[in-house]
């Protein structure tokens, strides 16, 4: 009986290790989006493009911003291996001044937390 239990245990460990090898992996084209100088009230939508370079479907469970002036939008469907997706970010360009914000992405990828950045500057009508 002990031999059967040992064989089952070793088999279970082997199966677990094999299952862990097949993981999603998220690779961003760039981890920083530079708005540059934008006019007040202009289009504040930008995208972070990524590819699932892993061997399992990528599920992005949550995307959050470091402030309420930036609204991120995640894909709702899983991203299959080899496929691409995007995270859309909308910055409130009615606020003038420098842009320095972080977007946190939580997923089932091998690296489950990624921090993306947006930067730039919103210029008012007076050029300031």
Foldseek 3Di string as FASTA:
>chain_A
DVVVVVVVVVVVVVVVVVVVQQFWAKDWPAQEAEPAEAEQPDWQKDKIKIAGQGRAWKDWDDKDKPDPQKDKDADHDTHHHGGMDIIMIGGNSNDFFKAWMWMWIAIRGPPGIDIGIYIYGYAYPVRD
